[in-house]
């Protein structure tokens, strides 16, 4: 399954670590991960969201990372996914509990 990661980036010091660990855990489950934290830094802020919305179009599912509901951008990504008819799920629900302990130990 192709999944897009949505979570807080702006103002979060170590957001890349969180996104990269989540991507690695999901890839370990066999998913193809679209990770917006890998976009190049230094572009004007108004250019990121249009790129992210296009990436959501390519995904089958949007995975919501912790804190997504406190992020204006991640909330917009969820709204867009809903509008596009794409399912959304929080990562702690998506990863089966039976596998969560193994993944937490391996990636976190």
PDB file of N, CA and C in Angstrom:
ATOM      1  N   UNK A   1       0.843  -1.166   0.000  1.00  0.00           N
ATOM      2  CA  UNK A   1       0.000   0.000   0.000  1.00  0.00           C
ATOM      3  C   UNK A   1       0.896   1.240   0.000  1.00  0.00           C
ATOM      4  N   UNK A   2       0.480   2.254  -0.719  1.00  0.00           N
ATOM      5  CA  UNK A   2       1.202   3.524  -0.736  1.00  0.00           C
ATOM      6  C   UNK A   2       0.599   4.423   0.332  1.00  0.00           C
ATOM      7  N   UNK A   3       1.433   4.842   1.283  1.00  0.00           N
ATOM      8  CA  UNK A   3       0.954   5.666   2.393  1.00  0.00           C
ATOM      9  C   UNK A   3       1.702   6.997   2.419  1.00  0.00           C
ATOM     10  N   UNK A   4       0.994   8.024   2.808  1.00  0.00           N
ATOM     11  CA  UNK A   4       1.553   9.370   2.963  1.00  0.00           C
ATOM     12  C   UNK A   4       1.598   9.686   4.448  1.00  0.00           C
ATOM     13  N   UNK A   5       2.695  10.254   4.913  1.00  0.00           N
ATOM     14  CA  UNK A   5       2.835  10.629   6.316  1.00  0.00           C
ATOM     15  C   UNK A   5       2.429  12.088   6.522  1.00  0.00           C
ATOM     16  N   UNK A   6       1.499  12.318   7.434  1.00  0.00           N
ATOM     17  CA  UNK A   6       1.072  13.673   7.778  1.00  0.00           C
ATOM     18  C   UNK A   6       1.344  13.897   9.256  1.00  0.00           C
ATOM     19  N   UNK A   7       2.045  14.975   9.551  1.00  0.00           N
ATOM     20  CA  UNK A   7       2.349  15.287  10.934  1.00  0.00           C
ATOM     21  C   UNK A   7       2.959  16.660  11.043  1.00  0.00           C
ATOM     22  N   UNK A   8       3.237  17.090  12.257  1.00  0.00           N
ATOM     23  CA  UNK A   8       3.779  18.434  12.460  1.00  0.00           C
ATOM     24  C   UNK A   8       5.232  18.549  11.980  1.00  0.00           C
ATOM     25  N   UNK A   9       5.506  19.612  11.255  1.00  0.00           N
ATOM     26  CA  UNK A   9       6.865  19.893  10.774  1.00  0.00           C
ATOM     27  C   UNK A   9       7.294  21.290  11.236  1.00  0.00           C
ATOM     28  N   UNK A  10       6.513  22.305  10.892  1.00  0.00           N
ATOM     29  CA  UNK A  10       6.879  23.677  11.205  1.00  0.00           C
ATOM     30  C   UNK A  10       7.016  23.867  12.712  1.00  0.00           C
ATOM     31  N   UNK A  11       8.173  24.339  13.131  1.00  0.00           N
ATOM     32  CA  UNK A  11       8.421  24.618  14.533  1.00  0.00           C
ATOM     33  C   UNK A  11       8.798  23.403  15.365  1.00  0.00           C
ATOM     34  N   UNK A  12       8.907  22.235  14.736  1.00  0.00           N
ATOM     35  CA  UNK A  12       9.275  21.012  15.461  1.00  0.00           C
ATOM     36  C   UNK A  12      10.743  20.724  15.193  1.00  0.00           C
ATOM     37  N   UNK A  13      11.542  20.728  16.242  1.00  0.00           N
ATOM     38  CA  UNK A  13      12.993  20.647  16.110  1.00  0.00           C
ATOM     39  C   UNK A  13      13.476  19.361  15.421  1.00  0.00           C
ATOM     40  N   UNK A  14      12.988  18.213  15.846  1.00  0.00           N
ATOM     41  CA  UNK A  14      13.498  16.942  15.319  1.00  0.00           C
ATOM     42  C   UNK A  14      12.439  16.217  14.487  1.00  0.00           C
ATOM     43  N   UNK A  15      11.674  16.975  13.689  1.00  0.00           N
ATOM     44  CA  UNK A  15      10.597  16.359  12.916  1.00  0.00           C
ATOM     45  C   UNK A  15      11.105  15.307  11.937  1.00  0.00           C
ATOM     46  N   UNK A  16      12.290  15.529  11.364  1.00  0.00           N
ATOM     47  CA  UNK A  16      12.812  14.556  10.391  1.00  0.00           C
ATOM     48  C   UNK A  16      13.031  13.194  11.035  1.00  0.00           C
ATOM     49  N   UNK A  17      13.520  13.179  12.263  1.00  0.00           N
ATOM     50  CA  UNK A  17      13.721  11.908  12.972  1.00  0.00           C
ATOM     51  C   UNK A  17      12.399  11.166  13.128  1.00  0.00           C
ATOM     52  N   UNK A  18      11.366  11.878  13.549  1.00  0.00           N
ATOM     53  CA  UNK A  18      10.059  11.253  13.744  1.00  0.00           C
ATOM     54  C   UNK A  18       9.518  10.702  12.436  1.00  0.00           C
ATOM     55  N   UNK A  19       9.553  11.512  11.383  1.00  0.00           N
ATOM     56  CA  UNK A  19       9.047  11.074  10.084  1.00  0.00           C
ATOM     57  C   UNK A  19       9.869   9.898   9.546  1.00  0.00           C
ATOM     58  N   UNK A  20      11.183   9.963   9.671  1.00  0.00           N
ATOM     59  CA  UNK A  20      12.026   8.897   9.142  1.00  0.00           C
ATOM     60  C   UNK A  20      11.848   7.586   9.900  1.00  0.00           C
ATOM     61  N   UNK A  21      11.683   7.654  11.222  1.00  0.00           N
ATOM     62  CA  UNK A  21      11.429   6.425  12.000  1.00  0.00           C
ATOM     63  C   UNK A  21      10.077   5.828  11.622  1.00  0.00           C
ATOM     64  N   UNK A  22       9.081   6.678  11.460  1.00  0.00           N
ATOM     65  CA  UNK A  22       7.760   6.185  11.053  1.00  0.00           C
ATOM     66  C   UNK A  22       7.835   5.555   9.676  1.00  0.00           C
ATOM     67  N   UNK A  23       8.543   6.204   8.753  1.00  0.00           N
ATOM     68  CA  UNK A  23       8.684   5.655   7.399  1.00  0.00           C
ATOM     69  C   UNK A  23       9.381   4.302   7.439  1.00  0.00           C
ATOM     70  N   UNK A  24      10.440   4.186   8.217  1.00  0.00           N
ATOM     71  CA  UNK A  24      11.172   2.920   8.307  1.00  0.00           C
ATOM     72  C   UNK A  24      10.284   1.815   8.878  1.00  0.00           C
ATOM     73  N   UNK A  25       9.499   2.142   9.903  1.00  0.00           N
ATOM     74  CA  UNK A  25       8.611   1.143  10.510  1.00  0.00           C
ATOM     75  C   UNK A  25       7.556   0.682   9.511  1.00  0.00           C
ATOM     76  N   UNK A  26       6.984   1.617   8.766  1.00  0.00           N
ATOM     77  CA  UNK A  26       5.953   1.267   7.792  1.00  0.00           C
ATOM     78  C   UNK A  26       6.538   0.483   6.622  1.00  0.00           C
ATOM     79  N   UNK A  27       7.732   0.863   6.181  1.00  0.00           N
ATOM     80  CA  UNK A  27       8.396   0.108   5.118  1.00  0.00           C
ATOM     81  C   UNK A  27       8.696  -1.313   5.578  1.00  0.00           C
ATOM     82  N   UNK A  28       9.014  -1.475   6.852  1.00  0.00           N
ATOM     83  CA  UNK A  28       9.268  -2.792   7.414  1.00  0.00           C
ATOM     84  C   UNK A  28       8.014  -3.669   7.355  1.00  0.00           C
ATOM     85  N   UNK A  29       6.850  -3.022   7.352  1.00  0.00           N
ATOM     86  CA  UNK A  29       5.582  -3.746   7.221  1.00  0.00           C
ATOM     87  C   UNK A  29       5.221  -4.005   5.760  1.00  0.00           C
ATOM     88  N   UNK A  30       6.010  -3.439   4.833  1.00  0.00           N
ATOM     89  CA  UNK A  30       5.769  -3.663   3.408  1.00  0.00           C
ATOM     90  C   UNK A  30       5.107  -2.517   2.677  1.00  0.00           C
ATOM     91  N   UNK A  31       4.867  -1.405   3.355  1.00  0.00           N
ATOM     92  CA  UNK A  31       4.247  -0.254   2.706  1.00  0.00           C
ATOM     93  C   UNK A  31       5.273   0.552   1.908  1.00  0.00           C
ATOM     94  N   UNK A  32       4.791   1.258   0.916  1.00  0.00           N
ATOM     95  CA  UNK A  32       5.578   2.250   0.188  1.00  0.00           C
ATOM     96  C   UNK A  32       5.221   3.590   0.822  1.00  0.00           C
ATOM     97  N   UNK A  33       6.221   4.312   1.294  1.00  0.00           N
ATOM     98  CA  UNK A  33       5.964   5.515   2.095  1.00  0.00           C
ATOM     99  C   UNK A  33       6.347   6.771   1.321  1.00  0.00           C
ATOM    100  N   UNK A  34       5.408   7.706   1.270  1.00  0.00           N
ATOM    101  CA  UNK A  34       5.671   9.051   0.759  1.00  0.00           C
ATOM    102  C   UNK A  34       5.900   9.926   1.984  1.00  0.00           C
ATOM    103  N   UNK A  35       7.115  10.429   2.113  1.00  0.00           N
ATOM    104  CA  UNK A  35       7.547  11.140   3.315  1.00  0.00           C
ATOM    105  C   UNK A  35       7.816  12.606   2.982  1.00  0.00           C
ATOM    106  N   UNK A  36       6.926  13.529   3.364  1.00  0.00           N
ATOM    107  CA  UNK A  36       7.139  14.939   3.042  1.00  0.00           C
ATOM    108  C   UNK A  36       8.337  15.558   3.751  1.00  0.00           C
ATOM    109  N   UNK A  37       8.846  14.908   4.785  1.00  0.00           N
ATOM    110  CA  UNK A  37      10.017  15.445   5.487  1.00  0.00           C
ATOM    111  C   UNK A  37      11.281  15.332   4.650  1.00  0.00           C
ATOM    112  N   UNK A  38      11.207  14.638   3.520  1.00  0.00           N
ATOM    113  CA  UNK A  38      12.367  14.524   2.645  1.00  0.00           C
ATOM    114  C   UNK A  38      12.401  15.607   1.564  1.00  0.00           C
ATOM    115  N   UNK A  39      11.402  16.480   1.551  1.00  0.00           N
ATOM    116  CA  UNK A  39      11.427  17.587   0.585  1.00  0.00           C
ATOM    117  C   UNK A  39      12.609  18.503   0.884  1.00  0.00           C
ATOM    118  N   UNK A  40      13.162  19.145  -0.143  1.00  0.00           N
ATOM    119  CA  UNK A  40      14.307  20.023   0.107  1.00  0.00           C
ATOM    120  C   UNK A  40      13.937  21.199   0.993  1.00  0.00           C
ATOM    121  N   UNK A  41      14.871  21.568   1.846  1.00  0.00           N
ATOM    122  CA  UNK A  41      14.668  22.726   2.717  1.00  0.00           C
ATOM    123  C   UNK A  41      15.065  23.991   1.979  1.00  0.00           C
ATOM    124  N   UNK A  42      14.496  25.107   2.423  1.00  0.00           N
ATOM    125  CA  UNK A  42      14.904  26.397   1.900  1.00  0.00           C
ATOM    126  C   UNK A  42      13.959  27.002   0.887  1.00  0.00           C
ATOM    127  N   UNK A  43      12.929  26.261   0.467  1.00  0.00           N
ATOM    128  CA  UNK A  43      11.957  26.842  -0.458  1.00  0.00           C
ATOM    129  C   UNK A  43      11.025  27.762   0.325  1.00  0.00           C
ATOM    130  N   UNK A  44      10.366  28.695  -0.338  1.00  0.00           N
ATOM    131  CA  UNK A  44       9.362  29.497   0.358  1.00  0.00           C
ATOM    132  C   UNK A  44       8.270  28.585   0.928  1.00  0.00           C
ATOM    133  N   UNK A  45       7.795  28.902   2.122  1.00  0.00           N
ATOM    134  CA  UNK A  45       6.814  28.051   2.795  1.00  0.00           C
ATOM    135  C   UNK A  45       5.564  27.789   1.967  1.00  0.00           C
ATOM    136  N   UNK A  46       5.142  28.761   1.156  1.00  0.00           N
ATOM    137  CA  UNK A  46       3.904  28.584   0.402  1.00  0.00           C
ATOM    138  C   UNK A  46       4.027  27.557  -0.727  1.00  0.00           C
ATOM    139  N   UNK A  47       5.220  27.053  -0.983  1.00  0.00           N
ATOM    140  CA  UNK A  47       5.391  26.040  -2.036  1.00  0.00           C
ATOM    141  C   UNK A  47       5.248  24.611  -1.512  1.00  0.00           C
ATOM    142  N   UNK A  48       5.385  24.401  -0.237  1.00  0.00           N
ATOM    143  CA  UNK A  48       5.364  23.038   0.299  1.00  0.00           C
ATOM    144  C   UNK A  48       3.988  22.390   0.240  1.00  0.00           C
ATOM    145  N   UNK A  49       2.958  23.101   0.663  1.00  0.00           N
ATOM    146  CA  UNK A  49       1.637  22.484   0.744  1.00  0.00           C
ATOM    147  C   UNK A  49       1.111  22.022  -0.620  1.00  0.00           C
ATOM    148  N   UNK A  50       1.251  22.805  -1.689  1.00  0.00           N
ATOM    149  CA  UNK A  50       0.784  22.283  -2.980  1.00  0.00           C
ATOM    150  C   UNK A  50       1.485  20.979  -3.382  1.00  0.00           C
ATOM    151  N   UNK A  51       2.764  20.867  -3.067  1.00  0.00           N
ATOM    152  CA  UNK A  51       3.496  19.629  -3.361  1.00  0.00           C
ATOM    153  C   UNK A  51       2.932  18.491  -2.514  1.00  0.00           C
ATOM    154  N   UNK A  52       2.711  18.757  -1.244  1.00  0.00           N
ATOM    155  CA  UNK A  52       2.188  17.725  -0.341  1.00  0.00           C
ATOM    156  C   UNK A  52       0.802  17.256  -0.769  1.00  0.00           C
ATOM    157  N   UNK A  53      -0.040  18.172  -1.189  1.00  0.00           N
ATOM    158  CA  UNK A  53      -1.381  17.783  -1.622  1.00  0.00           C
ATOM    159  C   UNK A  53      -1.320  16.897  -2.859  1.00  0.00           C
ATOM    160  N   UNK A  54      -0.399  17.179  -3.748  1.00  0.00           N
ATOM    161  CA  UNK A  54      -0.218  16.307  -4.924  1.00  0.00           C
ATOM    162  C   UNK A  54       0.278  14.922  -4.505  1.00  0.00           C
ATOM    163  N   UNK A  55       1.144  14.871  -3.492  1.00  0.00           N
ATOM    164  CA  UNK A  55       1.630  13.577  -3.013  1.00  0.00           C
ATOM    165  C   UNK A  55       0.490  12.772  -2.389  1.00  0.00           C
ATOM    166  N   UNK A  56      -0.416  13.449  -1.704  1.00  0.00           N
ATOM    167  CA  UNK A  56      -1.566  12.766  -1.117  1.00  0.00           C
ATOM    168  C   UNK A  56      -2.407  12.117  -2.211  1.00  0.00           C
ATOM    169  N   UNK A  57      -2.532  12.775  -3.345  1.00  0.00           N
ATOM    170  CA  UNK A  57      -3.299  12.207  -4.461  1.00  0.00           C
ATOM    171  C   UNK A  57      -2.739  10.856  -4.902  1.00  0.00           C
ATOM    172  N   UNK A  58      -1.427  10.680  -4.765  1.00  0.00           N
ATOM    173  CA  UNK A  58      -0.780   9.437  -5.198  1.00  0.00           C
ATOM    174  C   UNK A  58      -0.896   8.322  -4.159  1.00  0.00           C
ATOM    175  N   UNK A  59      -1.298   8.664  -2.947  1.00  0.00           N
ATOM    176  CA  UNK A  59      -1.330   7.687  -1.850  1.00  0.00           C
ATOM    177  C   UNK A  59      -2.670   6.949  -1.802  1.00  0.00           C
ATOM    178  N   UNK A  60      -2.614   5.761  -1.208  1.00  0.00           N
ATOM    179  CA  UNK A  60      -3.832   4.993  -0.939  1.00  0.00           C
ATOM    180  C   UNK A  60      -4.406   5.344   0.427  1.00  0.00           C
ATOM    181  N   UNK A  61      -3.528   5.819   1.317  1.00  0.00           N
ATOM    182  CA  UNK A  61      -3.884   6.036   2.714  1.00  0.00           C
ATOM    183  C   UNK A  61      -2.998   7.137   3.281  1.00  0.00           C
ATOM    184  N   UNK A  62      -3.559   7.947   4.174  1.00  0.00           N
ATOM    185  CA  UNK A  62      -2.776   8.963   4.877  1.00  0.00           C
ATOM    186  C   UNK A  62      -2.615   8.502   6.326  1.00  0.00           C
ATOM    187  N   UNK A  63      -1.355   8.380   6.751  1.00  0.00           N
ATOM    188  CA  UNK A  63      -1.021   7.987   8.119  1.00  0.00           C
ATOM    189  C   UNK A  63      -0.766   9.264   8.917  1.00  0.00           C
ATOM    190  N   UNK A  64      -1.470   9.416  10.021  1.00  0.00           N
ATOM    191  CA  UNK A  64      -1.357  10.601  10.864  1.00  0.00           C
ATOM    192  C   UNK A  64      -0.380  10.329  12.000  1.00  0.00           C
ATOM    193  N   UNK A  65       0.651  11.152  12.091  1.00  0.00           N
ATOM    194  CA  UNK A  65       1.668  11.007  13.125  1.00  0.00           C
ATOM    195  C   UNK A  65       1.244  11.759  14.389  1.00  0.00           C
ATOM    196  N   UNK A  66       1.816  11.403  15.542  1.00  0.00           N
ATOM    197  CA  UNK A  66       1.463  12.089  16.786  1.00  0.00           C
ATOM    198  C   UNK A  66       1.613  13.608  16.653  1.00  0.00           C
ATOM    199  N   UNK A  67       0.639  14.319  17.175  1.00  0.00           N
ATOM    200  CA  UNK A  67       0.641  15.774  17.122  1.00  0.00           C
ATOM    201  C   UNK A  67       0.020  16.354  15.863  1.00  0.00           C
ATOM    202  N   UNK A  68      -0.452  15.490  14.964  1.00  0.00           N
ATOM    203  CA  UNK A  68      -1.002  15.984  13.692  1.00  0.00           C
ATOM    204  C   UNK A  68      -2.131  16.985  13.933  1.00  0.00           C
ATOM    205  N   UNK A  69      -2.927  16.740  14.980  1.00  0.00           N
ATOM    206  CA  UNK A  69      -4.090  17.585  15.229  1.00  0.00           C
ATOM    207  C   UNK A  69      -3.721  18.966  15.776  1.00  0.00           C
ATOM    208  N   UNK A  70      -2.455  19.148  16.144  1.00  0.00           N
ATOM    209  CA  UNK A  70      -1.969  20.460  16.582  1.00  0.00           C
ATOM    210  C   UNK A  70      -1.228  21.196  15.476  1.00  0.00           C
ATOM    211  N   UNK A  71      -1.202  20.614  14.290  1.00  0.00           N
ATOM    212  CA  UNK A  71      -0.472  21.189  13.162  1.00  0.00           C
ATOM    213  C   UNK A  71      -1.459  21.686  12.109  1.00  0.00           C
ATOM    214  N   UNK A  72      -1.371  22.954  11.796  1.00  0.00           N
ATOM    215  CA  UNK A  72      -2.260  23.523  10.785  1.00  0.00           C
ATOM    216  C   UNK A  72      -2.099  22.802   9.444  1.00  0.00           C
ATOM    217  N   UNK A  73      -0.850  22.537   9.068  1.00  0.00           N
ATOM    218  CA  UNK A  73      -0.599  21.861   7.798  1.00  0.00           C
ATOM    219  C   UNK A  73      -1.119  20.432   7.774  1.00  0.00           C
ATOM    220  N   UNK A  74      -0.887  19.683   8.838  1.00  0.00           N
ATOM    221  CA  UNK A  74      -1.349  18.295   8.893  1.00  0.00           C
ATOM    222  C   UNK A  74      -2.879  18.227   8.943  1.00  0.00           C
ATOM    223  N   UNK A  75      -3.504  19.176   9.626  1.00  0.00           N
ATOM    224  CA  UNK A  75      -4.977  19.207   9.633  1.00  0.00           C
ATOM    225  C   UNK A  75      -5.513  19.476   8.231  1.00  0.00           C
ATOM    226  N   UNK A  76      -4.849  20.368   7.504  1.00  0.00           N
ATOM    227  CA  UNK A  76      -5.247  20.640   6.122  1.00  0.00           C
ATOM    228  C   UNK A  76      -5.046  19.391   5.257  1.00  0.00           C
ATOM    229  N   UNK A  77      -3.938  18.674   5.469  1.00  0.00           N
ATOM    230  CA  UNK A  77      -3.699  17.440   4.715  1.00  0.00           C
ATOM    231  C   UNK A  77      -4.794  16.412   4.991  1.00  0.00           C
ATOM    232  N   UNK A  78      -5.215  16.290   6.250  1.00  0.00           N
ATOM    233  CA  UNK A  78      -6.300  15.362   6.574  1.00  0.00           C
ATOM    234  C   UNK A  78      -7.591  15.795   5.901  1.00  0.00           C
ATOM    235  N   UNK A  79      -7.899  17.081   5.943  1.00  0.00           N
ATOM    236  CA  UNK A  79      -9.116  17.580   5.294  1.00  0.00           C
ATOM    237  C   UNK A  79      -9.072  17.294   3.793  1.00  0.00           C
ATOM    238  N   UNK A  80      -7.919  17.506   3.181  1.00  0.00           N
ATOM    239  CA  UNK A  80      -7.777  17.248   1.747  1.00  0.00           C
ATOM    240  C   UNK A  80      -7.957  15.766   1.453  1.00  0.00           C
ATOM    241  N   UNK A  81      -7.364  14.919   2.278  1.00  0.00           N
ATOM    242  CA  UNK A  81      -7.520  13.467   2.098  1.00  0.00           C
ATOM    243  C   UNK A  81      -8.996  13.091   2.210  1.00  0.00           C
ATOM    244  N   UNK A  82      -9.682  13.629   3.206  1.00  0.00           N
ATOM    245  CA  UNK A  82     -11.119  13.364   3.354  1.00  0.00           C
ATOM    246  C   UNK A  82     -11.872  13.808   2.099  1.00  0.00           C
ATOM    247  N   UNK A  83     -11.544  14.993   1.613  1.00  0.00           N
ATOM    248  CA  UNK A  83     -12.187  15.527   0.412  1.00  0.00           C
ATOM    249  C   UNK A  83     -11.939  14.626  -0.803  1.00  0.00           C
ATOM    250  N   UNK A  84     -10.733  14.073  -0.888  1.00  0.00           N
ATOM    251  CA  UNK A  84     -10.363  13.193  -1.992  1.00  0.00           C
ATOM    252  C   UNK A  84     -10.908  11.767  -1.810  1.00  0.00           C
ATOM    253  N   UNK A  85     -11.493  11.499  -0.656  1.00  0.00           N
ATOM    254  CA  UNK A  85     -11.998  10.162  -0.388  1.00  0.00           C
ATOM    255  C   UNK A  85     -10.914   9.176   0.024  1.00  0.00           C
ATOM    256  N   UNK A  86      -9.777   9.706   0.467  1.00  0.00           N
ATOM    257  CA  UNK A  86      -8.669   8.860   0.922  1.00  0.00           C
ATOM    258  C   UNK A  86      -8.856   8.560   2.404  1.00  0.00           C
ATOM    259  N   UNK A  87      -8.705   7.316   2.801  1.00  0.00           N
ATOM    260  CA  UNK A  87      -8.803   7.021   4.231  1.00  0.00           C
ATOM    261  C   UNK A  87      -7.616   7.601   4.993  1.00  0.00           C
ATOM    262  N   UNK A  88      -7.850   7.934   6.248  1.00  0.00           N
ATOM    263  CA  UNK A  88      -6.800   8.417   7.142  1.00  0.00           C
ATOM    264  C   UNK A  88      -6.857   7.585   8.416  1.00  0.00           C
ATOM    265  N   UNK A  89      -5.688   7.371   9.024  1.00  0.00           N
ATOM    266  CA  UNK A  89      -5.634   6.622  10.269  1.00  0.00           C
ATOM    267  C   UNK A  89      -4.393   7.050  11.042  1.00  0.00           C
ATOM    268  N   UNK A  90      -4.530   7.112  12.362  1.00  0.00           N
ATOM    269  CA  UNK A  90      -3.372   7.426  13.191  1.00  0.00           C
ATOM    270  C   UNK A  90      -2.430   6.226  13.207  1.00  0.00           C
ATOM    271  N   UNK A  91      -1.132   6.509  13.219  1.00  0.00           N
ATOM    272  CA  UNK A  91      -0.133   5.450  13.091  1.00  0.00           C
ATOM    273  C   UNK A  91      -0.259   4.399  14.189  1.00  0.00           C
ATOM    274  N   UNK A  92      -0.608   4.817  15.399  1.00  0.00           N
ATOM    275  CA  UNK A  92      -0.708   3.850  16.490  1.00  0.00           C
ATOM    276  C   UNK A  92      -1.895   2.902  16.317  1.00  0.00           C
ATOM    277  N   UNK A  93      -2.848   3.253  15.489  1.00  0.00           N
ATOM    278  CA  UNK A  93      -3.968   2.363  15.172  1.00  0.00           C
ATOM    279  C   UNK A  93      -3.624   1.505  13.951  1.00  0.00           C
ATOM    280  N   UNK A  94      -2.918   2.093  13.001  1.00  0.00           N
ATOM    281  CA  UNK A  94      -2.578   1.383  11.769  1.00  0.00           C
ATOM    282  C   UNK A  94      -1.635   0.210  12.018  1.00  0.00           C
ATOM    283  N   UNK A  95      -0.629   0.440  12.853  1.00  0.00           N
ATOM    284  CA  UNK A  95       0.323  -0.636  13.141  1.00  0.00           C
ATOM    285  C   UNK A  95      -0.333  -1.570  14.159  1.00  0.00           C
ATOM    286  N   UNK A  96      -0.507  -2.837  13.784  1.00  0.00           N
ATOM    287  CA  UNK A  96      -1.148  -3.782  14.718  1.00  0.00           C
ATOM    288  C   UNK A  96      -0.396  -3.846  16.042  1.00  0.00           C
ATOM    289  N   UNK A  97      -1.147  -3.954  17.123  1.00  0.00           N
ATOM    290  CA  UNK A  97      -0.545  -3.984  18.455  1.00  0.00           C
ATOM    291  C   UNK A  97       0.468  -5.122  18.582  1.00  0.00           C
ATOM    292  N   UNK A  98       0.220  -6.219  17.905  1.00  0.00           N
ATOM    293  CA  UNK A  98       1.141  -7.357  17.986  1.00  0.00           C
ATOM    294  C   UNK A  98       2.509  -7.016  17.399  1.00  0.00           C
ATOM    295  N   UNK A  99       2.552  -6.076  16.476  1.00  0.00           N
ATOM    296  CA  UNK A  99       3.814  -5.688  15.843  1.00  0.00           C
ATOM    297  C   UNK A  99       4.400  -4.410  16.436  1.00  0.00           C
ATOM    298  N   UNK A 100       3.597  -3.661  17.159  1.00  0.00           N
ATOM    299  CA  UNK A 100       4.032  -2.354  17.656  1.00  0.00           C
ATOM    300  C   UNK A 100       5.234  -2.454  18.575  1.00  0.00           C
ATOM    301  N   UNK A 101       5.242  -3.415  19.495  1.00  0.00           N
ATOM    302  CA  UNK A 101       6.359  -3.536  20.429  1.00  0.00           C
ATOM    303  C   UNK A 101       7.654  -3.807  19.689  1.00  0.00           C
ATOM    304  N   UNK A 102       7.610  -4.685  18.695  1.00  0.00           N
ATOM    305  CA  UNK A 102       8.807  -5.004  17.895  1.00  0.00           C
ATOM    306  C   UNK A 102       9.307  -3.767  17.152  1.00  0.00           C
ATOM    307  N   UNK A 103       8.383  -3.036  16.564  1.00  0.00           N
ATOM    308  CA  UNK A 103       8.766  -1.855  15.782  1.00  0.00           C
ATOM    309  C   UNK A 103       9.286  -0.746  16.687  1.00  0.00           C
ATOM    310  N   UNK A 104       8.668  -0.556  17.826  1.00  0.00           N
ATOM    311  CA  UNK A 104       9.137   0.471  18.753  1.00  0.00           C
ATOM    312  C   UNK A 104      10.565   0.131  19.185  1.00  0.00           C
ATOM    313  N   UNK A 105      10.813  -1.120  19.500  1.00  0.00           N
ATOM    314  CA  UNK A 105      12.142  -1.539  19.915  1.00  0.00           C
ATOM    315  C   UNK A 105      13.158  -1.336  18.782  1.00  0.00           C
ATOM    316  N   UNK A 106      12.755  -1.624  17.553  1.00  0.00           N
ATOM    317  CA  UNK A 106      13.659  -1.548  16.410  1.00  0.00           C
ATOM    318  C   UNK A 106      13.921  -0.103  15.956  1.00  0.00           C
ATOM    319  N   UNK A 107      12.892   0.735  15.923  1.00  0.00           N
ATOM    320  CA  UNK A 107      13.022   2.059  15.317  1.00  0.00           C
ATOM    321  C   UNK A 107      12.964   3.213  16.306  1.00  0.00           C
ATOM    322  N   UNK A 108      12.484   3.000  17.487  1.00  0.00           N
ATOM    323  CA  UNK A 108      12.329   4.105  18.442  1.00  0.00           C
ATOM    324  C   UNK A 108      13.131   3.767  19.664  1.00  0.00           C
TER     325      UNK A 108
END
